[in-house]
Each structure stands twice: as structure tokens, then as C-alpha cells.
């Protein structure tokens, strides 16, 4: 999940009942920063956005801009 996608779906956020606080070495620098903000509740308490709640229009935009 990237920060822009998360922030553009604030109205679809849920609550994470058991946040994963493990170190995730496979993340990019940007992903790791977002994960840290989520774990530290910097964006709100226990923020969660399930992939099923991402607007289809946002997925279409992402697919069109993805490298081929």
C-alpha cells in the first residue's frame, strides 16, 4: 500500500485490532515509512484499509500507469 492510496480512501478506513509490529525487510523505503506511521498511530488509532475497499477507479488508474 502506498501513502497516496491510503490517504485517498480515508472514508473507507477500518480499525486494525492486532497491528503487525514486526520488522518487514522487503518493503521499500516509502512503504516502510508508511508501515511505521501505521504502527505508531500517526495517522489515527489502528488505521486499516483492506484492499477490497479500494475504489475500482483507483485500481484502474494504477493499472494504466504500471510498467508493461
PDB file of N, CA and C in Angstrom:
ATOM      1  N   UNK A   1       0.854  -1.173   0.000  1.00  0.00           N
ATOM      2  CA  UNK A   1       0.000   0.000   0.000  1.00  0.00           C
ATOM      3  C   UNK A   1       0.897   1.232   0.000  1.00  0.00           C
ATOM      4  N   UNK A   2       0.571   2.173  -0.830  1.00  0.00           N
ATOM      5  CA  UNK A   2       1.319   3.432  -0.814  1.00  0.00           C
ATOM      6  C   UNK A   2       0.510   4.491  -0.064  1.00  0.00           C
ATOM      7  N   UNK A   3       1.214   5.507   0.403  1.00  0.00           N
ATOM      8  CA  UNK A   3       0.604   6.552   1.226  1.00  0.00           C
ATOM      9  C   UNK A   3      -0.526   7.281   0.490  1.00  0.00           C
ATOM     10  N   UNK A   4      -0.316   7.604  -0.791  1.00  0.00           N
ATOM     11  CA  UNK A   4      -1.336   8.330  -1.552  1.00  0.00           C
ATOM     12  C   UNK A   4      -2.631   7.524  -1.636  1.00  0.00           C
ATOM     13  N   UNK A   5      -2.528   6.230  -1.883  1.00  0.00           N
ATOM     14  CA  UNK A   5      -3.720   5.383  -1.948  1.00  0.00           C
ATOM     15  C   UNK A   5      -4.425   5.334  -0.603  1.00  0.00           C
ATOM     16  N   UNK A   6      -3.668   5.163   0.451  1.00  0.00           N
ATOM     17  CA  UNK A   6      -4.257   5.115   1.788  1.00  0.00           C
ATOM     18  C   UNK A   6      -4.987   6.420   2.105  1.00  0.00           C
ATOM     19  N   UNK A   7      -4.318   7.546   1.874  1.00  0.00           N
ATOM     20  CA  UNK A   7      -4.901   8.840   2.231  1.00  0.00           C
ATOM     21  C   UNK A   7      -6.080   9.226   1.345  1.00  0.00           C
ATOM     22  N   UNK A   8      -6.142   8.669   0.142  1.00  0.00           N
ATOM     23  CA  UNK A   8      -7.274   8.994  -0.731  1.00  0.00           C
ATOM     24  C   UNK A   8      -8.511   8.141  -0.421  1.00  0.00           C
ATOM     25  N   UNK A   9      -8.392   7.267   0.566  1.00  0.00           N
ATOM     26  CA  UNK A   9      -9.508   6.394   0.950  1.00  0.00           C
ATOM     27  C   UNK A   9      -9.855   6.507   2.437  1.00  0.00           C
ATOM     28  N   UNK A  10      -9.644   7.664   3.005  1.00  0.00           N
ATOM     29  CA  UNK A  10      -9.902   7.852   4.439  1.00  0.00           C
ATOM     30  C   UNK A  10     -11.317   7.418   4.815  1.00  0.00           C
ATOM     31  N   UNK A  11     -12.262   7.693   3.942  1.00  0.00           N
ATOM     32  CA  UNK A  11     -13.653   7.344   4.209  1.00  0.00           C
ATOM     33  C   UNK A  11     -13.904   5.843   4.236  1.00  0.00           C
ATOM     34  N   UNK A  12     -12.916   5.052   3.839  1.00  0.00           N
ATOM     35  CA  UNK A  12     -13.072   3.595   3.785  1.00  0.00           C
ATOM     36  C   UNK A  12     -12.184   2.866   4.802  1.00  0.00           C
ATOM     37  N   UNK A  13     -11.517   3.636   5.658  1.00  0.00           N
ATOM     38  CA  UNK A  13     -10.653   3.038   6.668  1.00  0.00           C
ATOM     39  C   UNK A  13     -11.459   2.251   7.687  1.00  0.00           C
ATOM     40  N   UNK A  14     -10.825   1.191   8.173  1.00  0.00           N
ATOM     41  CA  UNK A  14     -11.357   0.430   9.294  1.00  0.00           C
ATOM     42  C   UNK A  14     -10.358   0.501  10.438  1.00  0.00           C
ATOM     43  N   UNK A  15     -10.512  -0.391  11.393  1.00  0.00           N
ATOM     44  CA  UNK A  15      -9.598  -0.437  12.535  1.00  0.00           C
ATOM     45  C   UNK A  15      -8.903  -1.788  12.554  1.00  0.00           C
ATOM     46  N   UNK A  16      -7.597  -1.754  12.765  1.00  0.00           N
ATOM     47  CA  UNK A  16      -6.794  -2.970  12.874  1.00  0.00           C
ATOM     48  C   UNK A  16      -6.767  -3.393  14.335  1.00  0.00           C
ATOM     49  N   UNK A  17      -7.313  -4.556  14.629  1.00  0.00           N
ATOM     50  CA  UNK A  17      -7.382  -4.993  16.023  1.00  0.00           C
ATOM     51  C   UNK A  17      -6.050  -5.519  16.549  1.00  0.00           C
ATOM     52  N   UNK A  18      -5.195  -6.003  15.660  1.00  0.00           N
ATOM     53  CA  UNK A  18      -3.891  -6.515  16.113  1.00  0.00           C
ATOM     54  C   UNK A  18      -2.823  -6.135  15.088  1.00  0.00           C
ATOM     55  N   UNK A  19      -2.334  -4.889  15.150  1.00  0.00           N
ATOM     56  CA  UNK A  19      -1.345  -4.429  14.173  1.00  0.00           C
ATOM     57  C   UNK A  19      -0.072  -5.287  14.187  1.00  0.00           C
ATOM     58  N   UNK A  20       0.493  -5.487  13.003  1.00  0.00           N
ATOM     59  CA  UNK A  20       1.744  -6.222  12.852  1.00  0.00           C
ATOM     60  C   UNK A  20       2.892  -5.258  13.127  1.00  0.00           C
ATOM     61  N   UNK A  21       3.595  -5.477  14.192  1.00  0.00           N
ATOM     62  CA  UNK A  21       4.704  -4.595  14.567  1.00  0.00           C
ATOM     63  C   UNK A  21       6.060  -5.179  14.176  1.00  0.00           C
ATOM     64  N   UNK A  22       6.037  -6.279  13.439  1.00  0.00           N
ATOM     65  CA  UNK A  22       7.281  -6.934  13.035  1.00  0.00           C
ATOM     66  C   UNK A  22       8.045  -6.080  12.037  1.00  0.00           C
ATOM     67  N   UNK A  23       9.349  -6.248  12.027  1.00  0.00           N
ATOM     68  CA  UNK A  23      10.183  -5.589  11.028  1.00  0.00           C
ATOM     69  C   UNK A  23       9.923  -6.281   9.694  1.00  0.00           C
ATOM     70  N   UNK A  24       9.714  -5.497   8.641  1.00  0.00           N
ATOM     71  CA  UNK A  24       9.389  -6.056   7.327  1.00  0.00           C
ATOM     72  C   UNK A  24      10.481  -5.635   6.341  1.00  0.00           C
ATOM     73  N   UNK A  25      11.547  -6.420   6.230  1.00  0.00           N
ATOM     74  CA  UNK A  25      12.711  -6.011   5.440  1.00  0.00           C
ATOM     75  C   UNK A  25      12.462  -5.921   3.938  1.00  0.00           C
ATOM     76  N   UNK A  26      11.401  -6.502   3.422  1.00  0.00           N
ATOM     77  CA  UNK A  26      11.142  -6.479   1.987  1.00  0.00           C
ATOM     78  C   UNK A  26      10.463  -5.214   1.489  1.00  0.00           C
ATOM     79  N   UNK A  27      10.123  -4.299   2.391  1.00  0.00           N
ATOM     80  CA  UNK A  27       9.430  -3.078   1.985  1.00  0.00           C
ATOM     81  C   UNK A  27      10.388  -2.053   1.404  1.00  0.00           C
ATOM     82  N   UNK A  28       9.870  -1.217   0.510  1.00  0.00           N
ATOM     83  CA  UNK A  28      10.654  -0.083   0.026  1.00  0.00           C
ATOM     84  C   UNK A  28      10.766   0.931   1.157  1.00  0.00           C
ATOM     85  N   UNK A  29      11.588   1.930   0.986  1.00  0.00           N
ATOM     86  CA  UNK A  29      11.743   2.982   1.992  1.00  0.00           C
ATOM     87  C   UNK A  29      10.403   3.660   2.273  1.00  0.00           C
ATOM     88  N   UNK A  30       9.659   3.957   1.197  1.00  0.00           N
ATOM     89  CA  UNK A  30       8.364   4.623   1.349  1.00  0.00           C
ATOM     90  C   UNK A  30       7.349   3.724   2.053  1.00  0.00           C
ATOM     91  N   UNK A  31       7.323   2.449   1.687  1.00  0.00           N
ATOM     92  CA  UNK A  31       6.407   1.502   2.325  1.00  0.00           C
ATOM     93  C   UNK A  31       6.743   1.331   3.804  1.00  0.00           C
ATOM     94  N   UNK A  32       8.033   1.257   4.111  1.00  0.00           N
ATOM     95  CA  UNK A  32       8.461   1.104   5.500  1.00  0.00           C
ATOM     96  C   UNK A  32       8.064   2.328   6.333  1.00  0.00           C
ATOM     97  N   UNK A  33       8.171   3.519   5.752  1.00  0.00           N
ATOM     98  CA  UNK A  33       7.776   4.741   6.460  1.00  0.00           C
ATOM     99  C   UNK A  33       6.277   4.735   6.741  1.00  0.00           C
ATOM    100  N   UNK A  34       5.487   4.293   5.776  1.00  0.00           N
ATOM    101  CA  UNK A  34       4.038   4.211   5.971  1.00  0.00           C
ATOM    102  C   UNK A  34       3.713   3.158   7.030  1.00  0.00           C
ATOM    103  N   UNK A  35       4.357   2.014   6.974  1.00  0.00           N
ATOM    104  CA  UNK A  35       4.133   0.968   7.969  1.00  0.00           C
ATOM    105  C   UNK A  35       4.446   1.499   9.367  1.00  0.00           C
ATOM    106  N   UNK A  36       5.551   2.210   9.508  1.00  0.00           N
ATOM    107  CA  UNK A  36       5.918   2.788  10.803  1.00  0.00           C
ATOM    108  C   UNK A  36       4.828   3.756  11.285  1.00  0.00           C
ATOM    109  N   UNK A  37       4.337   4.619  10.387  1.00  0.00           N
ATOM    110  CA  UNK A  37       3.281   5.568  10.754  1.00  0.00           C
ATOM    111  C   UNK A  37       2.006   4.837  11.186  1.00  0.00           C
ATOM    112  N   UNK A  38       1.686   3.743  10.515  1.00  0.00           N
ATOM    113  CA  UNK A  38       0.504   2.970  10.886  1.00  0.00           C
ATOM    114  C   UNK A  38       0.674   2.321  12.259  1.00  0.00           C
ATOM    115  N   UNK A  39       1.822   1.719  12.486  1.00  0.00           N
ATOM    116  CA  UNK A  39       2.088   1.052  13.767  1.00  0.00           C
ATOM    117  C   UNK A  39       2.130   2.059  14.914  1.00  0.00           C
ATOM    118  N   UNK A  40       2.652   3.266  14.636  1.00  0.00           N
ATOM    119  CA  UNK A  40       2.752   4.288  15.682  1.00  0.00           C
ATOM    120  C   UNK A  40       1.487   5.134  15.796  1.00  0.00           C
ATOM    121  N   UNK A  41       0.446   4.790  15.046  1.00  0.00           N
ATOM    122  CA  UNK A  41      -0.830   5.511  15.074  1.00  0.00           C
ATOM    123  C   UNK A  41      -0.689   6.983  14.676  1.00  0.00           C
ATOM    124  N   UNK A  42       0.272   7.297  13.829  1.00  0.00           N
ATOM    125  CA  UNK A  42       0.490   8.675  13.377  1.00  0.00           C
ATOM    126  C   UNK A  42      -0.667   9.196  12.527  1.00  0.00           C
ATOM    127  N   UNK A  43      -1.385   8.306  11.869  1.00  0.00           N
ATOM    128  CA  UNK A  43      -2.496   8.700  11.003  1.00  0.00           C
ATOM    129  C   UNK A  43      -3.843   8.558  11.698  1.00  0.00           C
ATOM    130  N   UNK A  44      -3.837   8.021  12.890  1.00  0.00           N
ATOM    131  CA  UNK A  44      -5.049   7.778  13.659  1.00  0.00           C
ATOM    132  C   UNK A  44      -4.909   6.442  14.357  1.00  0.00           C
ATOM    133  N   UNK A  45      -5.816   6.151  15.249  1.00  0.00           N
ATOM    134  CA  UNK A  45      -5.710   4.897  16.001  1.00  0.00           C
ATOM    135  C   UNK A  45      -6.041   3.661  15.150  1.00  0.00           C
ATOM    136  N   UNK A  46      -5.063   2.776  15.048  1.00  0.00           N
ATOM    137  CA  UNK A  46      -5.256   1.458  14.420  1.00  0.00           C
ATOM    138  C   UNK A  46      -5.834   1.521  13.009  1.00  0.00           C
ATOM    139  N   UNK A  47      -5.309   2.421  12.177  1.00  0.00           N
ATOM    140  CA  UNK A  47      -5.816   2.585  10.807  1.00  0.00           C
ATOM    141  C   UNK A  47      -5.589   1.317   9.996  1.00  0.00           C
ATOM    142  N   UNK A  48      -6.618   0.938   9.237  1.00  0.00           N
ATOM    143  CA  UNK A  48      -6.537  -0.221   8.338  1.00  0.00           C
ATOM    144  C   UNK A  48      -7.354   0.086   7.083  1.00  0.00           C
ATOM    145  N   UNK A  49      -6.803  -0.249   5.926  1.00  0.00           N
ATOM    146  CA  UNK A  49      -7.546  -0.169   4.674  1.00  0.00           C
ATOM    147  C   UNK A  49      -7.423  -1.523   3.994  1.00  0.00           C
ATOM    148  N   UNK A  50      -8.507  -2.246   3.942  1.00  0.00           N
ATOM    149  CA  UNK A  50      -8.497  -3.538   3.277  1.00  0.00           C
ATOM    150  C   UNK A  50      -8.547  -3.325   1.769  1.00  0.00           C
ATOM    151  N   UNK A  51      -7.822  -4.159   1.032  1.00  0.00           N
ATOM    152  CA  UNK A  51      -7.735  -3.991  -0.424  1.00  0.00           C
ATOM    153  C   UNK A  51      -9.100  -4.048  -1.091  1.00  0.00           C
ATOM    154  N   UNK A  52     -10.025  -4.758  -0.511  1.00  0.00           N
ATOM    155  CA  UNK A  52     -11.362  -4.860  -1.081  1.00  0.00           C
ATOM    156  C   UNK A  52     -12.124  -3.535  -1.015  1.00  0.00           C
ATOM    157  N   UNK A  53     -11.657  -2.608  -0.185  1.00  0.00           N
ATOM    158  CA  UNK A  53     -12.330  -1.331  -0.004  1.00  0.00           C
ATOM    159  C   UNK A  53     -11.744  -0.223  -0.873  1.00  0.00           C
ATOM    160  N   UNK A  54     -10.658  -0.508  -1.595  1.00  0.00           N
ATOM    161  CA  UNK A  54     -10.056   0.467  -2.510  1.00  0.00           C
ATOM    162  C   UNK A  54     -10.991   0.643  -3.705  1.00  0.00           C
ATOM    163  N   UNK A  55     -11.268   1.896  -4.065  1.00  0.00           N
ATOM    164  CA  UNK A  55     -12.173   2.175  -5.186  1.00  0.00           C
ATOM    165  C   UNK A  55     -11.626   1.566  -6.480  1.00  0.00           C
ATOM    166  N   UNK A  56     -12.513   0.982  -7.265  1.00  0.00           N
ATOM    167  CA  UNK A  56     -12.112   0.353  -8.523  1.00  0.00           C
ATOM    168  C   UNK A  56     -11.461   1.372  -9.458  1.00  0.00           C
ATOM    169  N   UNK A  57     -11.934   2.612  -9.436  1.00  0.00           N
ATOM    170  CA  UNK A  57     -11.343   3.647 -10.295  1.00  0.00           C
ATOM    171  C   UNK A  57      -9.879   3.879  -9.951  1.00  0.00           C
ATOM    172  N   UNK A  58      -9.513   3.763  -8.689  1.00  0.00           N
ATOM    173  CA  UNK A  58      -8.115   3.920  -8.280  1.00  0.00           C
ATOM    174  C   UNK A  58      -7.275   2.749  -8.795  1.00  0.00           C
ATOM    175  N   UNK A  59      -7.856   1.568  -8.806  1.00  0.00           N
ATOM    176  CA  UNK A  59      -7.149   0.391  -9.321  1.00  0.00           C
ATOM    177  C   UNK A  59      -6.916   0.542 -10.817  1.00  0.00           C
ATOM    178  N   UNK A  60      -7.929   1.023 -11.535  1.00  0.00           N
ATOM    179  CA  UNK A  60      -7.788   1.232 -12.986  1.00  0.00           C
ATOM    180  C   UNK A  60      -6.665   2.215 -13.290  1.00  0.00           C
ATOM    181  N   UNK A  61      -6.590   3.308 -12.544  1.00  0.00           N
ATOM    182  CA  UNK A  61      -5.528   4.295 -12.745  1.00  0.00           C
ATOM    183  C   UNK A  61      -4.165   3.661 -12.500  1.00  0.00           C
ATOM    184  N   UNK A  62      -4.066   2.897 -11.438  1.00  0.00           N
ATOM    185  CA  UNK A  62      -2.800   2.220 -11.131  1.00  0.00           C
ATOM    186  C   UNK A  62      -2.379   1.248 -12.212  1.00  0.00           C
ATOM    187  N   UNK A  63      -3.327   0.515 -12.748  1.00  0.00           N
ATOM    188  CA  UNK A  63      -3.012  -0.443 -13.815  1.00  0.00           C
ATOM    189  C   UNK A  63      -2.571   0.262 -15.095  1.00  0.00           C
ATOM    190  N   UNK A  64      -3.222   1.378 -15.407  1.00  0.00           N
ATOM    191  CA  UNK A  64      -2.845   2.127 -16.623  1.00  0.00           C
ATOM    192  C   UNK A  64      -1.441   2.717 -16.514  1.00  0.00           C
ATOM    193  N   UNK A  65      -1.021   3.067 -15.308  1.00  0.00           N
ATOM    194  CA  UNK A  65       0.295   3.696 -15.149  1.00  0.00           C
ATOM    195  C   UNK A  65       1.395   2.700 -14.824  1.00  0.00           C
ATOM    196  N   UNK A  66       1.052   1.422 -14.677  1.00  0.00           N
ATOM    197  CA  UNK A  66       2.049   0.405 -14.354  1.00  0.00           C
ATOM    198  C   UNK A  66       2.934   0.116 -15.566  1.00  0.00           C
ATOM    199  N   UNK A  67       4.231  -0.138 -15.301  1.00  0.00           N
ATOM    200  CA  UNK A  67       5.130  -0.500 -16.416  1.00  0.00           C
ATOM    201  C   UNK A  67       4.684  -1.785 -17.071  1.00  0.00           C
ATOM    202  N   UNK A  68       4.889  -1.863 -18.355  1.00  0.00           N
ATOM    203  CA  UNK A  68       4.495  -3.075 -19.102  1.00  0.00           C
ATOM    204  C   UNK A  68       5.686  -3.880 -19.491  1.00  0.00           C
TER     205      UNK A  68
END
